[in-house]
Amino acid sequence: QVQLEESGGGLVQPGGSLRLSCAASGISLFTNTMTWHRQGAGARELVAGIVPDGNTMYADSVKGRFTISADKDANMVYLDINNLKPEDSGVYYCNTLDRVKLNSWGQGTQVTVSS
């Protein structure tokens, strides 16, 4: 059974930084593409992804500020967020491509950017 547990969210001032973590079980990061998504006031959106060979992709709105990484041995996925903006606020979810297709999501972790 696949389980993904997100953590690391919180209340941060604009310009601040956060590291979000995703603990994965029941899957191998050596064979799965992992993604981070954000749901703010609108629809849930893909913000970053990492494939097993380490290649990454980012939404235009977060390029240069977000960094996705994976520790495949520890089965952990991270999202480092710098220069946070109020529009980055929302619930952040990590997921696998298969679970996204099935519309299966975890609890997520809340990020609030406010002064």
C-alpha atoms as a PDB file:
ATOM      1  CA  GLN A   1       0.000   0.000   0.000  1.00  0.00           C
ATOM      2  CA  VAL A   2       1.382   3.369  -1.027  1.00  0.00           C
ATOM      3  CA  GLN A   3       1.585   5.989   1.697  1.00  0.00           C
ATOM      4  CA  LEU A   4       2.861   9.517   1.305  1.00  0.00           C
ATOM      5  CA  GLU A   5       3.143  11.766   4.339  1.00  0.00           C
ATOM      6  CA  GLU A   6       3.848  15.445   3.826  1.00  0.00           C
ATOM      7  CA  SER A   7       5.289  17.682   6.525  1.00  0.00           C
ATOM      8  CA  GLY A   8       7.162  20.926   7.030  1.00  0.00           C
ATOM      9  CA  GLY A   9       4.495  23.485   6.322  1.00  0.00           C
ATOM     10  CA  GLY A  10       3.802  26.475   8.501  1.00  0.00           C
ATOM     11  CA  LEU A  11       3.294  30.209   8.734  1.00  0.00           C
ATOM     12  CA  VAL A  12       6.093  32.147   7.094  1.00  0.00           C
ATOM     13  CA  GLN A  13       6.650  35.803   6.328  1.00  0.00           C
ATOM     14  CA  PRO A  14       7.029  36.911   2.717  1.00  0.00           C
ATOM     15  CA  GLY A  15      10.592  36.371   1.594  1.00  0.00           C
ATOM     16  CA  GLY A  16      11.084  33.483   3.972  1.00  0.00           C
ATOM     17  CA  SER A  17      11.986  29.871   3.247  1.00  0.00           C
ATOM     18  CA  LEU A  18      10.625  26.432   4.019  1.00  0.00           C
ATOM     19  CA  ARG A  19      11.599  22.837   3.395  1.00  0.00           C
ATOM     20  CA  LEU A  20       8.694  20.508   2.801  1.00  0.00           C
ATOM     21  CA  SER A  21       9.264  16.794   3.252  1.00  0.00           C
ATOM     22  CA  CYS A  22       7.431  13.782   1.898  1.00  0.00           C
ATOM     23  CA  ALA A  23       7.968  10.383   3.468  1.00  0.00           C
ATOM     24  CA  ALA A  24       7.101   7.661   0.983  1.00  0.00           C
ATOM     25  CA  SER A  25       6.362   4.029   1.731  1.00  0.00           C
ATOM     26  CA  GLY A  26       5.122   1.208  -0.434  1.00  0.00           C
ATOM     27  CA  ILE A  27       6.925   2.557  -3.492  1.00  0.00           C
ATOM     28  CA  SER A  28      10.484   2.957  -4.678  1.00  0.00           C
ATOM     29  CA  LEU A  29      11.840   6.328  -5.710  1.00  0.00           C
ATOM     30  CA  PHE A  30      14.241   4.451  -7.983  1.00  0.00           C
ATOM     31  CA  THR A  31      11.308   3.691 -10.271  1.00  0.00           C
ATOM     32  CA  ASN A  32       8.698   6.383  -9.633  1.00  0.00           C
ATOM     33  CA  THR A  33       8.390   9.967 -10.768  1.00  0.00           C
ATOM     34  CA  MET A  34       7.450  12.127  -7.815  1.00  0.00           C
ATOM     35  CA  THR A  35       5.596  15.397  -7.920  1.00  0.00           C
ATOM     36  CA  TRP A  36       4.649  18.267  -5.638  1.00  0.00           C
ATOM     37  CA  HIS A  37       1.332  19.995  -6.113  1.00  0.00           C
ATOM     38  CA  ARG A  38      -0.200  23.065  -4.545  1.00  0.00           C
ATOM     39  CA  GLN A  39      -3.822  23.888  -3.905  1.00  0.00           C
ATOM     40  CA  GLY A  40      -4.441  27.500  -3.080  1.00  0.00           C
ATOM     41  CA  ALA A  41      -7.619  29.413  -3.700  1.00  0.00           C
ATOM     42  CA  GLY A  42      -8.014  27.817  -7.106  1.00  0.00           C
ATOM     43  CA  ALA A  43      -7.464  24.384  -8.548  1.00  0.00           C
ATOM     44  CA  ARG A  44      -4.650  22.107  -7.473  1.00  0.00           C
ATOM     45  CA  GLU A  45      -1.610  22.705  -9.629  1.00  0.00           C
ATOM     46  CA  LEU A  46       1.606  20.858 -10.330  1.00  0.00           C
ATOM     47  CA  VAL A  47       4.570  22.887  -9.132  1.00  0.00           C
ATOM     48  CA  ALA A  48       7.516  20.493  -9.397  1.00  0.00           C
ATOM     49  CA  GLY A  49       8.456  16.985 -10.427  1.00  0.00           C
ATOM     50  CA  ILE A  50      11.494  14.724 -10.312  1.00  0.00           C
ATOM     51  CA  VAL A  51      12.083  11.584 -12.319  1.00  0.00           C
ATOM     52  CA  PRO A  52      14.176   8.648 -11.108  1.00  0.00           C
ATOM     53  CA  ASP A  53      17.249   9.764 -13.065  1.00  0.00           C
ATOM     54  CA  GLY A  54      17.183  13.083 -11.219  1.00  0.00           C
ATOM     55  CA  ASN A  55      15.828  15.339 -13.937  1.00  0.00           C
ATOM     56  CA  THR A  56      13.431  17.947 -12.617  1.00  0.00           C
ATOM     57  CA  MET A  57      10.681  20.192 -13.886  1.00  0.00           C
ATOM     58  CA  TYR A  58       9.000  23.258 -12.441  1.00  0.00           C
ATOM     59  CA  ALA A  59       5.956  25.377 -13.085  1.00  0.00           C
ATOM     60  CA  ASP A  60       6.902  28.755 -14.504  1.00  0.00           C
ATOM     61  CA  SER A  61       5.513  30.476 -11.424  1.00  0.00           C
ATOM     62  CA  VAL A  62       8.026  28.793  -9.120  1.00  0.00           C
ATOM     63  CA  LYS A  63      11.153  28.479 -11.265  1.00  0.00           C
ATOM     64  CA  GLY A  64      14.208  29.817  -9.496  1.00  0.00           C
ATOM     65  CA  ARG A  65      12.538  29.679  -6.078  1.00  0.00           C
ATOM     66  CA  PHE A  66      11.503  26.039  -5.654  1.00  0.00           C
ATOM     67  CA  THR A  67      13.856  23.080  -5.676  1.00  0.00           C
ATOM     68  CA  ILE A  68      12.673  19.489  -5.664  1.00  0.00           C
ATOM     69  CA  SER A  69      15.008  16.719  -4.584  1.00  0.00           C
ATOM     70  CA  ALA A  70      14.836  13.097  -3.575  1.00  0.00           C
ATOM     71  CA  ASP A  71      16.789  10.863  -1.259  1.00  0.00           C
ATOM     72  CA  LYS A  72      16.043   7.576  -2.928  1.00  0.00           C
ATOM     73  CA  ASP A  73      17.709   5.465  -0.273  1.00  0.00           C
ATOM     74  CA  ALA A  74      15.655   7.100   2.468  1.00  0.00           C
ATOM     75  CA  ASN A  75      12.505   7.210   0.330  1.00  0.00           C
ATOM     76  CA  MET A  76      12.136  10.929   0.989  1.00  0.00           C
ATOM     77  CA  VAL A  77      11.185  13.723  -1.373  1.00  0.00           C
ATOM     78  CA  TYR A  78      11.801  17.355  -0.521  1.00  0.00           C
ATOM     79  CA  LEU A  79      10.643  20.719  -1.766  1.00  0.00           C
ATOM     80  CA  ASP A  80      12.811  23.663  -0.804  1.00  0.00           C
ATOM     81  CA  ILE A  81      10.972  26.933  -1.183  1.00  0.00           C
ATOM     82  CA  ASN A  82      12.770  30.265  -1.085  1.00  0.00           C
ATOM     83  CA  ASN A  83      11.585  33.850  -1.353  1.00  0.00           C
ATOM     84  CA  LEU A  84       8.058  32.848  -0.408  1.00  0.00           C
ATOM     85  CA  LYS A  85       5.234  34.988  -1.708  1.00  0.00           C
ATOM     86  CA  PRO A  86       1.661  35.265  -0.444  1.00  0.00           C
ATOM     87  CA  GLU A  87       0.464  33.548  -3.609  1.00  0.00           C
ATOM     88  CA  ASP A  88       2.503  30.479  -2.603  1.00  0.00           C
ATOM     89  CA  SER A  89       0.061  29.885   0.239  1.00  0.00           C
ATOM     90  CA  GLY A  90      -1.918  26.676   0.058  1.00  0.00           C
ATOM     91  CA  VAL A  91      -1.854  23.009   0.844  1.00  0.00           C
ATOM     92  CA  TYR A  92       1.114  21.197  -0.654  1.00  0.00           C
ATOM     93  CA  TYR A  93       0.885  17.556  -1.641  1.00  0.00           C
ATOM     94  CA  CYS A  94       3.453  15.110  -2.901  1.00  0.00           C
ATOM     95  CA  ASN A  95       2.357  12.290  -5.124  1.00  0.00           C
ATOM     96  CA  THR A  96       3.249   9.736  -7.737  1.00  0.00           C
ATOM     97  CA  LEU A  97       2.066  10.021 -11.309  1.00  0.00           C
ATOM     98  CA  ASP A  98      -0.077   6.902 -10.938  1.00  0.00           C
ATOM     99  CA  ARG A  99      -1.846   8.246  -7.865  1.00  0.00           C
ATOM    100  CA  VAL A 100      -2.447  11.591  -9.559  1.00  0.00           C
ATOM    101  CA  LYS A 101      -4.194   9.747 -12.401  1.00  0.00           C
ATOM    102  CA  LEU A 102      -6.331   7.965  -9.805  1.00  0.00           C
ATOM    103  CA  ASN A 103      -7.036  11.255  -8.020  1.00  0.00           C
ATOM    104  CA  SER A 104      -5.636   9.757  -4.828  1.00  0.00           C
ATOM    105  CA  TRP A 105      -4.122  12.305  -2.454  1.00  0.00           C
ATOM    106  CA  GLY A 106      -2.712  12.454   1.028  1.00  0.00           C
ATOM    107  CA  GLN A 107      -3.383  15.014   3.735  1.00  0.00           C
ATOM    108  CA  GLY A 108      -0.898  17.552   2.469  1.00  0.00           C
ATOM    109  CA  THR A 109       0.873  20.201   4.478  1.00  0.00           C
ATOM    110  CA  GLN A 110      -0.369  23.773   4.852  1.00  0.00           C
ATOM    111  CA  VAL A 111       1.851  26.691   3.884  1.00  0.00           C
ATOM    112  CA  THR A 112       0.710  30.174   4.798  1.00  0.00           C
ATOM    113  CA  VAL A 113       2.715  33.174   3.686  1.00  0.00           C
ATOM    114  CA  SER A 114       1.688  36.282   5.521  1.00  0.00           C
ATOM    115  CA  SER A 115       3.180  39.195   7.391  1.00  0.00           C
END
